[in-house]
Amino acid sequence: MERTTQARTREERDVKRMQTRNAHCCDWDSVPVVIDLPYVARILGVTPETLKLRCLRGKFPAFKEGKNWRVEKCDLRAYIEGNKVMKEAAT
């Protein structure tokens, strides 16, 4: 009986973790000045692995702090603005 409760609790925790991982950030003011890659990935709607590859290829503005990749908020905003597709340019 106790094992079933533990499994259910673990399953609920995993579901909540996936919901949080897949949630997009919507309040720009709450974004920190220096952001870690998983948080940036959530904002952009990509996986952290995809973003890491972009960093390694020099296609995304990030820096390493120890083993972890970090992004400055102003660089992220510039990246987003620079990658917008204008309606006129698309036609």
N, C-alpha and C. Protein backbone atom coordinates (compact mmCIF):
# COMPACT_ATOMS: atom_id res chain seq x y z
N MET A 1 0.82 -1.19 0.00
CA MET A 1 0.00 0.00 0.00
C MET A 1 0.87 1.26 0.00
N GLU A 2 1.91 1.26 0.86
CA GLU A 2 2.80 2.41 0.95
C GLU A 2 3.57 2.61 -0.35
N ARG A 3 3.95 1.53 -0.98
CA ARG A 3 4.69 1.60 -2.25
C ARG A 3 3.84 2.27 -3.34
N THR A 4 2.56 1.97 -3.39
CA THR A 4 1.66 2.56 -4.38
C THR A 4 1.55 4.07 -4.15
N THR A 5 1.46 4.49 -2.90
CA THR A 5 1.39 5.91 -2.57
C THR A 5 2.66 6.62 -3.00
N GLN A 6 3.82 6.00 -2.76
CA GLN A 6 5.09 6.59 -3.17
C GLN A 6 5.16 6.72 -4.69
N ALA A 7 4.72 5.70 -5.40
CA ALA A 7 4.74 5.73 -6.87
C ALA A 7 3.83 6.84 -7.39
N ARG A 8 2.65 6.98 -6.79
CA ARG A 8 1.71 8.02 -7.21
C ARG A 8 2.29 9.40 -6.93
N THR A 9 2.90 9.58 -5.77
CA THR A 9 3.51 10.86 -5.43
C THR A 9 4.64 11.18 -6.39
N ARG A 10 5.47 10.21 -6.73
CA ARG A 10 6.56 10.39 -7.68
C ARG A 10 6.00 10.76 -9.06
N GLU A 11 4.93 10.10 -9.47
CA GLU A 11 4.31 10.38 -10.75
C GLU A 11 3.74 11.80 -10.79
N GLU A 12 3.09 12.22 -9.73
CA GLU A 12 2.55 13.59 -9.65
C GLU A 12 3.68 14.61 -9.70
N ARG A 13 4.77 14.33 -9.01
CA ARG A 13 5.92 15.23 -9.02
C ARG A 13 6.52 15.35 -10.42
N ASP A 14 6.61 14.21 -11.13
CA ASP A 14 7.14 14.22 -12.50
C ASP A 14 6.24 15.02 -13.44
N VAL A 15 4.93 14.88 -13.28
CA VAL A 15 4.00 15.63 -14.12
C VAL A 15 4.16 17.12 -13.86
N LYS A 16 4.25 17.50 -12.59
CA LYS A 16 4.42 18.91 -12.25
C LYS A 16 5.74 19.46 -12.81
N ARG A 17 6.81 18.67 -12.74
CA ARG A 17 8.11 19.08 -13.26
C ARG A 17 8.03 19.31 -14.77
N MET A 18 7.34 18.42 -15.48
CA MET A 18 7.19 18.58 -16.93
C MET A 18 6.37 19.82 -17.27
N GLN A 19 5.32 20.10 -16.49
CA GLN A 19 4.51 21.29 -16.73
C GLN A 19 5.35 22.54 -16.53
N THR A 20 6.16 22.56 -15.49
CA THR A 20 7.02 23.70 -15.22
C THR A 20 8.06 23.85 -16.31
N ARG A 21 8.64 22.75 -16.75
CA ARG A 21 9.67 22.76 -17.78
C ARG A 21 9.11 23.29 -19.10
N ASN A 22 7.86 22.96 -19.40
CA ASN A 22 7.25 23.35 -20.65
C ASN A 22 6.56 24.71 -20.61
N ALA A 23 6.50 25.32 -19.43
CA ALA A 23 5.84 26.62 -19.31
C ALA A 23 6.75 27.71 -19.88
N HIS A 24 6.16 28.59 -20.67
CA HIS A 24 6.92 29.69 -21.23
C HIS A 24 6.87 30.87 -20.27
N CYS A 25 7.93 31.62 -20.22
CA CYS A 25 7.99 32.81 -19.39
C CYS A 25 7.14 33.89 -20.05
N CYS A 26 6.37 34.61 -19.28
CA CYS A 26 5.51 35.62 -19.89
C CYS A 26 5.74 37.02 -19.31
N ASP A 27 6.47 37.15 -18.23
CA ASP A 27 6.70 38.45 -17.61
C ASP A 27 8.19 38.80 -17.72
N TRP A 28 8.52 39.65 -18.68
CA TRP A 28 9.92 39.99 -18.96
C TRP A 28 10.60 40.63 -17.75
N ASP A 29 9.86 41.38 -16.94
CA ASP A 29 10.44 42.03 -15.77
C ASP A 29 10.90 41.04 -14.71
N SER A 30 10.33 39.83 -14.72
CA SER A 30 10.73 38.83 -13.72
C SER A 30 11.96 38.03 -14.16
N VAL A 31 12.41 38.23 -15.39
CA VAL A 31 13.58 37.51 -15.90
C VAL A 31 14.83 38.11 -15.27
N PRO A 32 15.71 37.29 -14.68
CA PRO A 32 16.94 37.82 -14.06
C PRO A 32 17.88 38.44 -15.09
N VAL A 33 18.86 39.19 -14.62
CA VAL A 33 19.83 39.85 -15.50
C VAL A 33 20.73 38.82 -16.18
N VAL A 34 21.14 37.80 -15.45
CA VAL A 34 21.94 36.70 -16.01
C VAL A 34 21.11 35.43 -15.83
N ILE A 35 20.95 34.70 -16.94
CA ILE A 35 20.01 33.58 -16.97
C ILE A 35 20.74 32.29 -17.34
N ASP A 36 20.33 31.18 -16.72
CA ASP A 36 20.93 29.90 -17.10
C ASP A 36 20.23 29.35 -18.35
N LEU A 37 20.88 28.42 -19.01
CA LEU A 37 20.40 27.91 -20.29
C LEU A 37 19.03 27.23 -20.23
N PRO A 38 18.72 26.41 -19.21
CA PRO A 38 17.39 25.81 -19.18
C PRO A 38 16.26 26.85 -19.12
N TYR A 39 16.49 27.93 -18.39
CA TYR A 39 15.48 28.99 -18.29
C TYR A 39 15.32 29.70 -19.63
N VAL A 40 16.43 29.97 -20.29
CA VAL A 40 16.38 30.60 -21.62
C VAL A 40 15.67 29.68 -22.61
N ALA A 41 15.94 28.38 -22.51
CA ALA A 41 15.29 27.42 -23.40
C ALA A 41 13.78 27.46 -23.23
N ARG A 42 13.32 27.57 -21.98
CA ARG A 42 11.88 27.68 -21.73
C ARG A 42 11.31 28.94 -22.37
N ILE A 43 12.03 30.04 -22.26
CA ILE A 43 11.57 31.30 -22.84
C ILE A 43 11.44 31.16 -24.36
N LEU A 44 12.44 30.54 -24.99
CA LEU A 44 12.46 30.42 -26.44
C LEU A 44 11.65 29.24 -26.98
N GLY A 45 11.27 28.32 -26.09
CA GLY A 45 10.50 27.17 -26.51
C GLY A 45 11.32 26.11 -27.22
N VAL A 46 12.59 25.98 -26.84
CA VAL A 46 13.46 24.95 -27.40
C VAL A 46 14.04 24.13 -26.24
N THR A 47 14.73 23.06 -26.57
CA THR A 47 15.34 22.26 -25.51
C THR A 47 16.68 22.87 -25.10
N PRO A 48 17.11 22.64 -23.87
CA PRO A 48 18.42 23.12 -23.45
C PRO A 48 19.54 22.56 -24.31
N GLU A 49 19.38 21.33 -24.80
CA GLU A 49 20.40 20.71 -25.65
C GLU A 49 20.55 21.46 -26.97
N THR A 50 19.42 21.85 -27.57
CA THR A 50 19.45 22.62 -28.81
C THR A 50 20.16 23.94 -28.60
N LEU A 51 19.84 24.60 -27.49
CA LEU A 51 20.45 25.88 -27.19
C LEU A 51 21.94 25.74 -26.93
N LYS A 52 22.33 24.66 -26.26
CA LYS A 52 23.75 24.42 -26.00
C LYS A 52 24.52 24.26 -27.31
N LEU A 53 23.93 23.54 -28.26
CA LEU A 53 24.57 23.38 -29.57
C LEU A 53 24.73 24.73 -30.27
N ARG A 54 23.72 25.57 -30.18
CA ARG A 54 23.81 26.91 -30.77
C ARG A 54 24.93 27.71 -30.12
N CYS A 55 25.09 27.57 -28.81
CA CYS A 55 26.17 28.27 -28.09
C CYS A 55 27.52 27.77 -28.57
N LEU A 56 27.67 26.46 -28.66
CA LEU A 56 28.94 25.88 -29.08
C LEU A 56 29.31 26.28 -30.50
N ARG A 57 28.31 26.47 -31.36
CA ARG A 57 28.55 26.87 -32.74
C ARG A 57 28.67 28.38 -32.93
N GLY A 58 28.51 29.13 -31.81
CA GLY A 58 28.62 30.58 -31.88
C GLY A 58 27.39 31.25 -32.48
N LYS A 59 26.27 30.54 -32.50
CA LYS A 59 25.04 31.07 -33.08
C LYS A 59 24.12 31.69 -32.03
N PHE A 60 24.52 31.62 -30.76
CA PHE A 60 23.72 32.18 -29.68
C PHE A 60 24.63 32.88 -28.68
N PRO A 61 24.28 34.08 -28.25
CA PRO A 61 25.16 34.85 -27.35
C PRO A 61 25.11 34.35 -25.91
N ALA A 62 26.10 33.57 -25.54
CA ALA A 62 26.17 33.03 -24.19
C ALA A 62 27.62 32.95 -23.74
N PHE A 63 27.80 32.76 -22.44
CA PHE A 63 29.16 32.59 -21.91
C PHE A 63 29.14 31.46 -20.89
N LYS A 64 30.30 30.87 -20.68
CA LYS A 64 30.41 29.77 -19.72
C LYS A 64 30.88 30.30 -18.38
N GLU A 65 30.23 29.81 -17.35
CA GLU A 65 30.64 30.08 -15.98
C GLU A 65 30.87 28.71 -15.36
N GLY A 66 32.13 28.32 -15.30
CA GLY A 66 32.44 26.94 -14.89
C GLY A 66 31.96 25.99 -15.97
N LYS A 67 31.10 25.04 -15.59
CA LYS A 67 30.56 24.09 -16.56
C LYS A 67 29.24 24.57 -17.15
N ASN A 68 28.68 25.62 -16.60
CA ASN A 68 27.34 26.05 -17.00
C ASN A 68 27.35 27.23 -17.97
N TRP A 69 26.43 27.19 -18.91
CA TRP A 69 26.25 28.29 -19.84
C TRP A 69 25.31 29.32 -19.24
N ARG A 70 25.60 30.60 -19.44
CA ARG A 70 24.78 31.70 -18.94
C ARG A 70 24.54 32.68 -20.08
N VAL A 71 23.44 33.41 -19.97
CA VAL A 71 23.07 34.40 -20.98
C VAL A 71 22.67 35.69 -20.27
N GLU A 72 23.14 36.81 -20.78
CA GLU A 72 22.70 38.09 -20.23
C GLU A 72 21.36 38.45 -20.83
N LYS A 73 20.50 39.02 -20.01
CA LYS A 73 19.16 39.37 -20.42
C LYS A 73 19.16 40.28 -21.65
N CYS A 74 20.05 41.26 -21.68
CA CYS A 74 20.11 42.20 -22.81
C CYS A 74 20.53 41.47 -24.10
N ASP A 75 21.41 40.46 -23.99
CA ASP A 75 21.81 39.68 -25.16
C ASP A 75 20.65 38.81 -25.67
N LEU A 76 19.87 38.26 -24.73
CA LEU A 76 18.72 37.46 -25.12
C LEU A 76 17.69 38.32 -25.85
N ARG A 77 17.46 39.50 -25.33
CA ARG A 77 16.49 40.40 -25.97
C ARG A 77 16.96 40.78 -27.39
N ALA A 78 18.24 41.08 -27.52
CA ALA A 78 18.81 41.42 -28.84
C ALA A 78 18.71 40.23 -29.79
N TYR A 79 18.95 39.02 -29.28
CA TYR A 79 18.85 37.81 -30.10
C TYR A 79 17.42 37.64 -30.60
N ILE A 80 16.46 37.83 -29.71
CA ILE A 80 15.05 37.70 -30.10
C ILE A 80 14.69 38.75 -31.15
N GLU A 81 15.09 39.99 -30.90
CA GLU A 81 14.79 41.07 -31.85
C GLU A 81 15.46 40.83 -33.20
N GLY A 82 16.68 40.34 -33.18
CA GLY A 82 17.43 40.09 -34.40
C GLY A 82 16.91 38.92 -35.22
N ASN A 83 16.14 38.04 -34.59
CA ASN A 83 15.64 36.86 -35.28
C ASN A 83 14.16 36.94 -35.65
N LYS A 84 13.58 38.11 -35.45
CA LYS A 84 12.19 38.29 -35.85
C LYS A 84 12.11 38.35 -37.37
N VAL A 85 11.09 37.76 -37.91
CA VAL A 85 10.88 37.78 -39.36
C VAL A 85 9.85 38.88 -39.65
N MET A 86 10.27 39.84 -40.42
CA MET A 86 9.37 40.93 -40.78
C MET A 86 8.43 40.44 -41.87
N LYS A 87 7.19 40.92 -41.83
CA LYS A 87 6.20 40.51 -42.81
C LYS A 87 6.64 40.84 -44.23
N GLU A 88 7.21 42.02 -44.43
CA GLU A 88 7.65 42.42 -45.74
C GLU A 88 8.82 41.57 -46.24
N ALA A 89 9.73 41.21 -45.34
CA ALA A 89 10.90 40.43 -45.72
C ALA A 89 10.51 38.99 -46.08
N ALA A 90 9.45 38.51 -45.49
CA ALA A 90 9.03 37.12 -45.73
C ALA A 90 8.34 36.96 -47.08
N THR A 91 7.83 38.04 -47.65
CA THR A 91 7.10 37.92 -48.93
C THR A 91 7.97 38.28 -50.11
